C-alpha atoms as a PDB file:
ATOM      1  CA  MET A   1      12.144  -4.298 -29.494  1.00  0.00           C
ATOM      2  CA  THR A   2      14.822  -7.012 -29.582  1.00  0.00           C
ATOM      3  CA  ASP A   3      17.522  -7.478 -26.956  1.00  0.00           C
ATOM      4  CA  GLU A   4      20.102  -6.283 -29.481  1.00  0.00           C
ATOM      5  CA  GLU A   5      18.122  -3.083 -30.117  1.00  0.00           C
ATOM      6  CA  MET A   6      17.716  -2.481 -26.380  1.00  0.00           C
ATOM      7  CA  ILE A   7      21.464  -2.900 -25.828  1.00  0.00           C
ATOM      8  CA  ALA A   8      22.493  -0.722 -28.775  1.00  0.00           C
ATOM      9  CA  GLY A   9      19.684   1.800 -28.422  1.00  0.00           C
ATOM     10  CA  THR A  10      18.727   1.401 -32.079  1.00  0.00           C
ATOM     11  CA  GLY A  11      15.054   0.511 -31.686  1.00  0.00           C
ATOM     12  CA  GLU A  12      12.185   2.719 -32.823  1.00  0.00           C
ATOM     13  CA  GLY A  13      10.417   5.174 -30.543  1.00  0.00           C
ATOM     14  CA  GLY A  14      13.307   6.956 -28.895  1.00  0.00           C
ATOM     15  CA  ALA A  15      14.876   6.794 -25.429  1.00  0.00           C
ATOM     16  CA  VAL A  16      11.664   6.516 -23.410  1.00  0.00           C
ATOM     17  CA  ALA A  17      10.405   3.654 -25.576  1.00  0.00           C
ATOM     18  CA  ARG A  18      13.756   1.923 -25.042  1.00  0.00           C
ATOM     19  CA  LEU A  19      13.479   2.334 -21.260  1.00  0.00           C
ATOM     20  CA  LYS A  20       9.926   0.983 -21.304  1.00  0.00           C
ATOM     21  CA  ALA A  21      11.018  -2.020 -23.415  1.00  0.00           C
ATOM     22  CA  ILE A  22      13.940  -2.786 -21.079  1.00  0.00           C
ATOM     23  CA  MET A  23      11.668  -2.671 -18.027  1.00  0.00           C
ATOM     24  CA  HIS A  24       9.195  -4.995 -19.751  1.00  0.00           C
ATOM     25  CA  ARG A  25      12.021  -7.375 -20.645  1.00  0.00           C
ATOM     26  CA  LEU A  26      13.313  -7.427 -17.065  1.00  0.00           C
ATOM     27  CA  ARG A  27       9.898  -8.458 -15.682  1.00  0.00           C
ATOM     28  CA  ALA A  28       9.073 -10.904 -18.469  1.00  0.00           C
ATOM     29  CA  PRO A  29       9.725 -14.678 -18.218  1.00  0.00           C
ATOM     30  CA  GLY A  30      13.452 -15.263 -18.547  1.00  0.00           C
ATOM     31  CA  GLY A  31      14.211 -11.753 -17.304  1.00  0.00           C
ATOM     32  CA  CYS A  32      15.434 -10.640 -13.886  1.00  0.00           C
ATOM     33  CA  PRO A  33      14.024 -12.574 -10.890  1.00  0.00           C
ATOM     34  CA  TRP A  34      14.288  -9.525  -8.579  1.00  0.00           C
ATOM     35  CA  ASP A  35      12.441  -7.178 -10.952  1.00  0.00           C
ATOM     36  CA  ALA A  36       9.784  -9.813 -11.614  1.00  0.00           C
ATOM     37  CA  GLU A  37       9.097 -10.242  -7.887  1.00  0.00           C
ATOM     38  CA  GLN A  38       8.483  -6.570  -7.138  1.00  0.00           C
ATOM     39  CA  SER A  39       5.101  -4.965  -6.421  1.00  0.00           C
ATOM     40  CA  HIS A  40       3.933  -1.377  -6.059  1.00  0.00           C
ATOM     41  CA  GLU A  41       4.316  -1.655  -2.299  1.00  0.00           C
ATOM     42  CA  SER A  42       7.771  -3.243  -2.304  1.00  0.00           C
ATOM     43  CA  ILE A  43       9.378  -0.461  -4.350  1.00  0.00           C
ATOM     44  CA  VAL A  44       7.830   2.482  -2.489  1.00  0.00           C
ATOM     45  CA  PRO A  45      11.091   2.944  -0.495  1.00  0.00           C
ATOM     46  CA  ASN A  46      12.983   3.121  -3.803  1.00  0.00           C
ATOM     47  CA  LEU A  47      10.632   5.826  -5.068  1.00  0.00           C
ATOM     48  CA  ILE A  48      11.096   7.910  -1.918  1.00  0.00           C
ATOM     49  CA  GLU A  49      14.880   7.414  -1.913  1.00  0.00           C
ATOM     50  CA  GLU A  50      15.255   8.391  -5.568  1.00  0.00           C
ATOM     51  CA  ALA A  51      13.086  11.485  -5.059  1.00  0.00           C
ATOM     52  CA  TYR A  52      15.280  12.667  -2.185  1.00  0.00           C
ATOM     53  CA  GLU A  53      18.492  11.909  -4.087  1.00  0.00           C
ATOM     54  CA  THR A  54      17.151  13.952  -7.007  1.00  0.00           C
ATOM     55  CA  VAL A  55      16.403  16.855  -4.671  1.00  0.00           C
ATOM     56  CA  ASP A  56      19.924  16.622  -3.246  1.00  0.00           C
ATOM     57  CA  ALA A  57      21.478  16.793  -6.727  1.00  0.00           C
ATOM     58  CA  ILE A  58      19.328  19.810  -7.600  1.00  0.00           C
ATOM     59  CA  ARG A  59      20.313  21.643  -4.424  1.00  0.00           C
ATOM     60  CA  ARG A  60      23.990  20.936  -5.065  1.00  0.00           C
ATOM     61  CA  GLY A  61      23.671  22.245  -8.607  1.00  0.00           C
ATOM     62  CA  ASP A  62      25.402  19.150  -9.977  1.00  0.00           C
ATOM     63  CA  ASP A  63      24.076  18.687 -13.527  1.00  0.00           C
ATOM     64  CA  THR A  64      25.726  15.284 -14.003  1.00  0.00           C
ATOM     65  CA  ASP A  65      24.205  13.880 -10.812  1.00  0.00           C
ATOM     66  CA  MET A  66      20.902  15.615 -11.522  1.00  0.00           C
ATOM     67  CA  CYS A  67      20.620  13.951 -14.925  1.00  0.00           C
ATOM     68  CA  GLU A  68      21.429  10.553 -13.408  1.00  0.00           C
ATOM     69  CA  GLU A  69      19.022  10.953 -10.480  1.00  0.00           C
ATOM     70  CA  LEU A  70      16.191  12.181 -12.720  1.00  0.00           C
ATOM     71  CA  GLY A  71      16.745   9.013 -14.742  1.00  0.00           C
ATOM     72  CA  ASP A  72      16.539   6.897 -11.584  1.00  0.00           C
ATOM     73  CA  LEU A  73      13.328   8.716 -10.654  1.00  0.00           C
ATOM     74  CA  LEU A  74      11.903   8.205 -14.136  1.00  0.00           C
ATOM     75  CA  LEU A  75      12.670   4.495 -13.805  1.00  0.00           C
ATOM     76  CA  GLN A  76      10.377   4.346 -10.768  1.00  0.00           C
ATOM     77  CA  VAL A  77       7.482   5.772 -12.823  1.00  0.00           C
ATOM     78  CA  VAL A  78       8.154   3.304 -15.632  1.00  0.00           C
ATOM     79  CA  PHE A  79       8.482   0.445 -13.112  1.00  0.00           C
ATOM     80  CA  HIS A  80       5.109   1.178 -11.491  1.00  0.00           C
ATOM     81  CA  ALA A  81       3.447   1.572 -14.901  1.00  0.00           C
ATOM     82  CA  GLU A  82       4.910  -1.763 -16.050  1.00  0.00           C
ATOM     83  CA  ILE A  83       3.569  -3.525 -12.943  1.00  0.00           C
ATOM     84  CA  ALA A  84       0.111  -2.046 -13.537  1.00  0.00           C
ATOM     85  CA  GLU A  85       0.182  -2.897 -17.245  1.00  0.00           C
ATOM     86  CA  GLY A  86       1.039  -6.486 -16.417  1.00  0.00           C
ATOM     87  CA  GLN A  87      -2.115  -6.616 -14.282  1.00  0.00           C
ATOM     88  CA  GLY A  88      -4.247  -5.044 -17.025  1.00  0.00           C
ATOM     89  CA  ARG A  89      -4.922  -1.825 -15.068  1.00  0.00           C
ATOM     90  CA  PHE A  90      -3.083   0.992 -16.895  1.00  0.00           C
ATOM     91  CA  ASP A  91       0.191   1.624 -18.728  1.00  0.00           C
ATOM     92  CA  LEU A  92       2.807   4.350 -19.191  1.00  0.00           C
ATOM     93  CA  ASP A  93       0.826   5.956 -22.012  1.00  0.00           C
ATOM     94  CA  ALA A  94      -2.182   6.271 -19.692  1.00  0.00           C
ATOM     95  CA  VAL A  95       0.038   7.938 -17.087  1.00  0.00           C
ATOM     96  CA  ALA A  96       1.404  10.413 -19.663  1.00  0.00           C
ATOM     97  CA  ASP A  97      -2.045  11.069 -21.175  1.00  0.00           C
ATOM     98  CA  GLY A  98      -3.509  11.644 -17.716  1.00  0.00           C
ATOM     99  CA  ILE A  99      -1.013  14.339 -16.741  1.00  0.00           C
ATOM    100  CA  SER A 100      -1.232  15.943 -20.198  1.00  0.00           C
ATOM    101  CA  GLU A 101      -5.022  16.199 -19.921  1.00  0.00           C
ATOM    102  CA  LYS A 102      -4.696  17.657 -16.414  1.00  0.00           C
ATOM    103  CA  LEU A 103      -2.210  20.311 -17.546  1.00  0.00           C
ATOM    104  CA  VAL A 104      -4.504  21.391 -20.369  1.00  0.00           C
ATOM    105  CA  ARG A 105      -7.576  21.526 -18.087  1.00  0.00           C
ATOM    106  CA  ARG A 106      -5.794  23.481 -15.361  1.00  0.00           C
ATOM    107  CA  HIS A 107      -4.250  26.041 -17.718  1.00  0.00           C
ATOM    108  CA  PRO A 108      -7.383  27.550 -19.325  1.00  0.00           C
ATOM    109  CA  HIS A 109      -5.532  30.884 -19.522  1.00  0.00           C
ATOM    110  CA  VAL A 110      -3.204  29.168 -22.013  1.00  0.00           C
ATOM    111  CA  PHE A 111      -5.409  26.585 -23.738  1.00  0.00           C
ATOM    112  CA  GLY A 112      -8.826  28.218 -23.216  1.00  0.00           C
ATOM    113  CA  GLU A 113     -10.604  31.529 -22.806  1.00  0.00           C
ATOM    114  CA  SER A 114      -9.725  32.245 -19.174  1.00  0.00           C
ATOM    115  CA  SER A 115      -7.206  34.886 -18.138  1.00  0.00           C
ATOM    116  CA  ALA A 116      -4.594  35.009 -15.377  1.00  0.00           C
ATOM    117  CA  GLU A 117      -2.301  38.007 -15.155  1.00  0.00           C
ATOM    118  CA  ASP A 118       0.138  36.719 -12.536  1.00  0.00           C
ATOM    119  CA  SER A 119       1.237  33.623 -10.622  1.00  0.00           C
ATOM    120  CA  ASP A 120      -1.184  34.258  -7.730  1.00  0.00           C
ATOM    121  CA  GLN A 121      -4.138  34.226 -10.120  1.00  0.00           C
ATOM    122  CA  VAL A 122      -2.814  31.102 -11.819  1.00  0.00           C
ATOM    123  CA  LEU A 123      -2.527  29.256  -8.478  1.00  0.00           C
ATOM    124  CA  LYS A 124      -5.966  30.400  -7.316  1.00  0.00           C
ATOM    125  CA  GLN A 125      -7.508  29.239 -10.593  1.00  0.00           C
ATOM    126  CA  TRP A 126      -5.632  25.922 -10.354  1.00  0.00           C
ATOM    127  CA  ASP A 127      -7.010  25.269  -6.847  1.00  0.00           C
ATOM    128  CA  GLU A 128     -10.576  26.131  -7.902  1.00  0.00           C
ATOM    129  CA  ILE A 129     -10.396  23.802 -10.907  1.00  0.00           C
ATOM    130  CA  LYS A 130      -8.836  21.047  -8.792  1.00  0.00           C
ATOM    131  CA  ARG A 131     -11.543  21.279  -6.127  1.00  0.00           C
ATOM    132  CA  GLY A 132     -14.222  21.181  -8.820  1.00  0.00           C
ATOM    133  CA  GLU A 133     -12.656  18.148 -10.522  1.00  0.00           C
ATOM    134  CA  LYS A 134     -12.489  16.211  -7.282  1.00  0.00           C
ATOM    135  CA  GLY A 135     -15.995  17.198  -6.206  1.00  0.00           C
ATOM    136  CA  GLU A 136     -14.598  18.990  -3.171  1.00  0.00           C
ATOM    137  CA  VAL A 137     -16.715  22.143  -3.362  1.00  0.00           C
ATOM    138  CA  ASP A 138     -18.599  21.231  -0.171  1.00  0.00           C
ATOM    139  CA  VAL A 139     -15.822  19.437   1.720  1.00  0.00           C
ATOM    140  CA  PRO A 140     -13.465  21.058   4.264  1.00  0.00           C
ATOM    141  CA  TYR A 141     -11.100  23.546   2.626  1.00  0.00           C
ATOM    142  CA  LEU A 142      -7.920  21.732   3.750  1.00  0.00           C
ATOM    143  CA  HIS A 143      -9.269  18.245   3.002  1.00  0.00           C
ATOM    144  CA  GLY A 144      -6.538  16.021   1.534  1.00  0.00           C
ATOM    145  CA  THR A 145      -3.935  18.783   1.438  1.00  0.00           C
ATOM    146  CA  GLY A 146      -0.443  17.307   1.349  1.00  0.00           C
ATOM    147  CA  LYS A 147      -1.610  13.789   2.150  1.00  0.00           C
ATOM    148  CA  GLY A 148       1.265  11.316   2.148  1.00  0.00           C
ATOM    149  CA  LEU A 149       3.929  14.029   2.403  1.00  0.00           C
ATOM    150  CA  PRO A 150       6.562  14.136   5.165  1.00  0.00           C
ATOM    151  CA  ALA A 151       5.199  16.074   8.149  1.00  0.00           C
ATOM    152  CA  LEU A 152       7.458  19.119   7.704  1.00  0.00           C
ATOM    153  CA  VAL A 153       6.530  19.505   4.043  1.00  0.00           C
ATOM    154  CA  ARG A 154       2.846  18.959   4.787  1.00  0.00           C
ATOM    155  CA  ALA A 155       2.905  21.611   7.526  1.00  0.00           C
ATOM    156  CA  ALA A 156       4.143  24.191   5.023  1.00  0.00           C
ATOM    157  CA  LYS A 157       1.579  23.079   2.449  1.00  0.00           C
ATOM    158  CA  LEU A 158      -1.297  23.286   4.955  1.00  0.00           C
ATOM    159  CA  GLN A 159      -0.215  26.757   6.039  1.00  0.00           C
ATOM    160  CA  LYS A 160       0.196  27.968   2.477  1.00  0.00           C
ATOM    161  CA  LYS A 161      -3.269  26.791   1.478  1.00  0.00           C
ATOM    162  CA  ALA A 162      -4.861  28.219   4.637  1.00  0.00           C
ATOM    163  CA  ALA A 163      -3.210  31.565   3.866  1.00  0.00           C
ATOM    164  CA  LYS A 164      -4.873  31.587   0.440  1.00  0.00           C
ATOM    165  CA  SER A 165      -8.244  31.716   2.208  1.00  0.00           C
ATOM    166  CA  GLY A 166      -7.135  34.818   4.112  1.00  0.00           C
ATOM    167  CA  PHE A 167      -6.285  32.956   7.333  1.00  0.00           C
ATOM    168  CA  ASP A 168      -2.847  34.431   7.846  1.00  0.00           C
ATOM    169  CA  TRP A 169      -0.882  36.852  10.000  1.00  0.00           C
ATOM    170  CA  PRO A 170      -0.982  40.425   8.674  1.00  0.00           C
ATOM    171  CA  ALA A 171       2.716  40.871   9.506  1.00  0.00           C
ATOM    172  CA  GLU A 172       5.764  38.813  10.433  1.00  0.00           C
ATOM    173  CA  THR A 173       5.674  40.198  13.982  1.00  0.00           C
ATOM    174  CA  GLY A 174       2.592  38.070  14.636  1.00  0.00           C
ATOM    175  CA  VAL A 175       4.419  34.914  13.556  1.00  0.00           C
ATOM    176  CA  LEU A 176       7.379  35.724  15.797  1.00  0.00           C
ATOM    177  CA  ALA A 177       5.060  36.452  18.723  1.00  0.00           C
ATOM    178  CA  LYS A 178       3.387  33.072  18.180  1.00  0.00           C
ATOM    179  CA  ILE A 179       6.778  31.320  18.289  1.00  0.00           C
ATOM    180  CA  ARG A 180       7.597  33.040  21.589  1.00  0.00           C
ATOM    181  CA  GLU A 181       4.161  32.064  22.948  1.00  0.00           C
ATOM    182  CA  GLU A 182       4.663  28.414  21.972  1.00  0.00           C
ATOM    183  CA  LEU A 183       8.148  28.422  23.524  1.00  0.00           C
ATOM    184  CA  LEU A 184       6.733  29.695  26.834  1.00  0.00           C
ATOM    185  CA  GLU A 185       3.995  27.047  26.760  1.00  0.00           C
ATOM    186  CA  LEU A 186       6.632  24.388  26.114  1.00  0.00           C
ATOM    187  CA  GLN A 187       8.694  25.621  29.065  1.00  0.00           C
ATOM    188  CA  SER A 188       5.607  25.499  31.306  1.00  0.00           C
ATOM    189  CA  ALA A 189       4.921  21.903  30.269  1.00  0.00           C
ATOM    190  CA  ILE A 190       8.556  20.964  30.955  1.00  0.00           C
ATOM    191  CA  ASP A 191       8.446  22.678  34.361  1.00  0.00           C
ATOM    192  CA  VAL A 192       5.538  20.494  35.533  1.00  0.00           C
ATOM    193  CA  GLN A 193       6.902  17.385  33.744  1.00  0.00           C
ATOM    194  CA  ASP A 194       3.693  16.893  31.752  1.00  0.00           C
ATOM    195  CA  MET A 195       5.158  14.713  28.990  1.00  0.00           C
ATOM    196  CA  ALA A 196       1.985  14.620  26.887  1.00  0.00           C
ATOM    197  CA  ALA A 197       1.864  18.419  26.955  1.00  0.00           C
ATOM    198  CA  VAL A 198       5.600  18.608  26.158  1.00  0.00           C
ATOM    199  CA  GLU A 199       5.044  16.556  23.007  1.00  0.00           C
ATOM    200  CA  GLU A 200       2.063  18.663  21.983  1.00  0.00           C
ATOM    201  CA  GLU A 201       3.849  21.979  22.617  1.00  0.00           C
ATOM    202  CA  LEU A 202       6.973  20.812  20.794  1.00  0.00           C
ATOM    203  CA  GLY A 203       4.785  20.035  17.794  1.00  0.00           C
ATOM    204  CA  ASP A 204       3.117  23.447  18.030  1.00  0.00           C
ATOM    205  CA  LEU A 205       6.521  25.139  18.236  1.00  0.00           C
ATOM    206  CA  LEU A 206       7.806  23.305  15.177  1.00  0.00           C
ATOM    207  CA  PHE A 207       4.608  24.153  13.303  1.00  0.00           C
ATOM    208  CA  SER A 208       5.034  27.840  14.180  1.00  0.00           C
ATOM    209  CA  VAL A 209       8.675  27.866  13.049  1.00  0.00           C
ATOM    210  CA  VAL A 210       7.620  26.301   9.732  1.00  0.00           C
ATOM    211  CA  ASN A 211       5.063  29.094   9.443  1.00  0.00           C
ATOM    212  CA  LEU A 212       7.836  31.693   9.809  1.00  0.00           C
ATOM    213  CA  ALA A 213       9.738  30.003   6.979  1.00  0.00           C
ATOM    214  CA  ARG A 214       6.567  30.002   4.884  1.00  0.00           C
ATOM    215  CA  PHE A 215       5.975  33.678   5.676  1.00  0.00           C
ATOM    216  CA  ARG A 216       9.535  34.385   4.539  1.00  0.00           C
ATOM    217  CA  LYS A 217       8.881  32.347   1.362  1.00  0.00           C
ATOM    218  CA  ILE A 218      11.621  29.857   2.291  1.00  0.00           C
ATOM    219  CA  ASP A 219      11.097  26.118   1.939  1.00  0.00           C
ATOM    220  CA  PRO A 220      11.522  24.575   5.439  1.00  0.00           C
ATOM    221  CA  GLU A 221      12.962  21.432   3.862  1.00  0.00           C
ATOM    222  CA  VAL A 222      15.675  23.548   2.235  1.00  0.00           C
ATOM    223  CA  LEU A 223      16.396  25.194   5.600  1.00  0.00           C
ATOM    224  CA  MET A 224      16.645  21.840   7.372  1.00  0.00           C
ATOM    225  CA  ALA A 225      18.840  20.436   4.604  1.00  0.00           C
ATOM    226  CA  GLY A 226      21.185  23.402   5.054  1.00  0.00           C
ATOM    227  CA  ALA A 227      21.220  23.009   8.837  1.00  0.00           C
ATOM    228  CA  ASN A 228      21.914  19.271   8.510  1.00  0.00           C
ATOM    229  CA  THR A 229      24.787  19.909   6.102  1.00  0.00           C
ATOM    230  CA  LYS A 230      26.263  22.572   8.380  1.00  0.00           C
ATOM    231  CA  PHE A 231      26.024  20.300  11.430  1.00  0.00           C
ATOM    232  CA  GLU A 232      27.632  17.403   9.558  1.00  0.00           C
ATOM    233  CA  ARG A 233      30.427  19.667   8.301  1.00  0.00           C
ATOM    234  CA  ARG A 234      31.179  21.148  11.730  1.00  0.00           C
ATOM    235  CA  PHE A 235      31.003  17.741  13.392  1.00  0.00           C
ATOM    236  CA  GLY A 236      33.548  16.479  10.877  1.00  0.00           C
ATOM    237  CA  GLU A 237      35.848  19.425  11.644  1.00  0.00           C
ATOM    238  CA  MET A 238      35.449  18.770  15.372  1.00  0.00           C
ATOM    239  CA  GLU A 239      36.373  15.139  14.808  1.00  0.00           C
ATOM    240  CA  LYS A 240      39.481  16.135  12.809  1.00  0.00           C
ATOM    241  CA  THR A 241      40.581  18.524  15.572  1.00  0.00           C
ATOM    242  CA  LEU A 242      40.203  15.844  18.234  1.00  0.00           C
ATOM    243  CA  LYS A 243      42.016  13.303  16.072  1.00  0.00           C
ATOM    244  CA  ALA A 244      44.906  15.755  15.628  1.00  0.00           C
ATOM    245  CA  ASP A 245      45.121  15.858  19.428  1.00  0.00           C
ATOM    246  CA  GLY A 246      45.230  12.065  19.581  1.00  0.00           C
ATOM    247  CA  LYS A 247      41.611  11.655  20.712  1.00  0.00           C
ATOM    248  CA  ALA A 248      38.919   9.514  19.101  1.00  0.00           C
ATOM    249  CA  ILE A 249      35.448  11.056  19.146  1.00  0.00           C
ATOM    250  CA  GLU A 250      34.222   8.322  21.497  1.00  0.00           C
ATOM    251  CA  GLU A 251      37.037   8.992  23.964  1.00  0.00           C
ATOM    252  CA  ALA A 252      36.740  12.781  24.177  1.00  0.00           C
ATOM    253  CA  SER A 253      35.033  14.461  27.100  1.00  0.00           C
ATOM    254  CA  VAL A 254      32.085  16.809  26.657  1.00  0.00           C
ATOM    255  CA  GLY A 255      34.401  19.734  27.433  1.00  0.00           C
ATOM    256  CA  GLU A 256      36.927  18.646  24.816  1.00  0.00           C
ATOM    257  CA  MET A 257      34.218  18.204  22.222  1.00  0.00           C
ATOM    258  CA  GLU A 258      32.762  21.622  23.051  1.00  0.00           C
ATOM    259  CA  GLU A 259      36.175  23.263  22.643  1.00  0.00           C
ATOM    260  CA  ALA A 260      36.771  21.507  19.318  1.00  0.00           C
ATOM    261  CA  TRP A 261      33.246  22.423  18.169  1.00  0.00           C
ATOM    262  CA  LEU A 262      33.844  26.112  18.904  1.00  0.00           C
ATOM    263  CA  GLU A 263      37.148  25.914  17.034  1.00  0.00           C
ATOM    264  CA  ALA A 264      35.320  24.410  14.039  1.00  0.00           C
ATOM    265  CA  LYS A 265      32.793  27.252  14.114  1.00  0.00           C
ATOM    266  CA  ALA A 266      35.559  29.857  14.358  1.00  0.00           C
ATOM    267  CA  LYS A 267      37.451  28.266  11.457  1.00  0.00           C
ATOM    268  CA  GLU A 268      34.289  28.289   9.356  1.00  0.00           C
ATOM    269  CA  TRP A 269      33.626  31.924  10.249  1.00  0.00           C
ATOM    270  CA  ARG A 270      37.188  32.933   9.285  1.00  0.00           C
ATOM    271  CA  HIS A 271      36.855  31.105   5.973  1.00  0.00           C
ATOM    272  CA  SER A 272      33.521  32.827   5.253  1.00  0.00           C
ATOM    273  CA  SER A 273      34.976  36.224   6.192  1.00  0.00           C
ATOM    274  CA  ALA A 274      37.955  35.662   3.888  1.00  0.00           C
ATOM    275  CA  ASN A 275      35.644  34.757   1.014  1.00  0.00           C
ATOM    276  CA  ARG A 276      33.507  37.853   1.637  1.00  0.00           C
ATOM    277  CA  SER A 277      36.605  40.069   1.750  1.00  0.00           C
ATOM    278  CA  ALA A 278      37.906  38.595  -1.496  1.00  0.00           C
ATOM    279  CA  ALA A 279      34.529  39.143  -3.151  1.00  0.00           C
ATOM    280  CA  GLU A 280      34.393  42.736  -1.913  1.00  0.00           C
ATOM    281  CA  MET A 281      37.936  43.410  -3.166  1.00  0.00           C
ATOM    282  CA  GLU A 282      37.029  41.986  -6.564  1.00  0.00           C
ATOM    283  CA  GLY A 283      34.002  44.278  -6.592  1.00  0.00           C
ATOM    284  CA  HIS A 284      36.193  47.281  -5.794  1.00  0.00           C
ATOM    285  CA  LYS A 285      38.518  46.318  -8.650  1.00  0.00           C
ATOM    286  CA  ASN A 286      35.597  46.145 -11.045  1.00  0.00           C
ATOM    287  CA  ASP A 287      34.406  49.567  -9.867  1.00  0.00           C
ATOM    288  CA  ASN A 288      37.908  51.098 -10.042  1.00  0.00           C
ATOM    289  CA  PRO A 289      39.883  50.066 -13.163  1.00  0.00           C
ATOM    290  CA  SER A 290      43.108  51.525 -11.671  1.00  0.00           C
ATOM    291  CA  LEU A 291      43.133  48.698  -9.089  1.00  0.00           C
ATOM    292  CA  LYS A 292      43.197  46.012 -11.771  1.00  0.00           C
END
């Protein structure tokens, strides 16, 4: 594909072929020095960053940002494939063929003679096929589960897979009791100032809280993202309140910050209540045409 075709998007093969050609051009002699210098290892941070930015766009429901971030994420796949192709190891077609073959193999209820009536059966079949493919029939059940994932995500993945084997609480009350137990053990470690035990018990407590989220079928990453957003929003409101009183955040006392924080919470609660009331009124109108 010529430079003119890359610029105009008129080359053969469609949009993905154009992206692949552009990436090849950037790393080729006479291309971009920065792109040419990169290795798999050097662009790992970019891959992680783009993945998280894509997740953020999805959670915000912003289609424009989602499309852009998915493109940035796709670029990382193309970039890694281009590096490997330049070293004679594999290319983008091998990457695409590999995942296509995997999808066919692991969906025998679609492409073969197997049957799976619901999602649970599909996931169980997937895990069995995966373990067989990797020769993991005789290795520990949790071997390799979630390797390379952030710790919070891996905790949920470990718990979910363990639960598939039957190792799970029969009811949510057991999970809550475990959280209370871990909290008491943490307090005991703090009381005797055993810092190694404090670290261990904090980890156990976090693990147990993740398990509650898993039991409730809620992604702990989604929960933490929501909590982070709420904290950032309330902190910003606290800062605005202090600024209105002529105080910079660095100059305010703990008491002043606490008062402004409570005001931010109250303001947020009033706003939420107003929205709920408006929604309820709209519902009443829909139920009673005479109110419209």
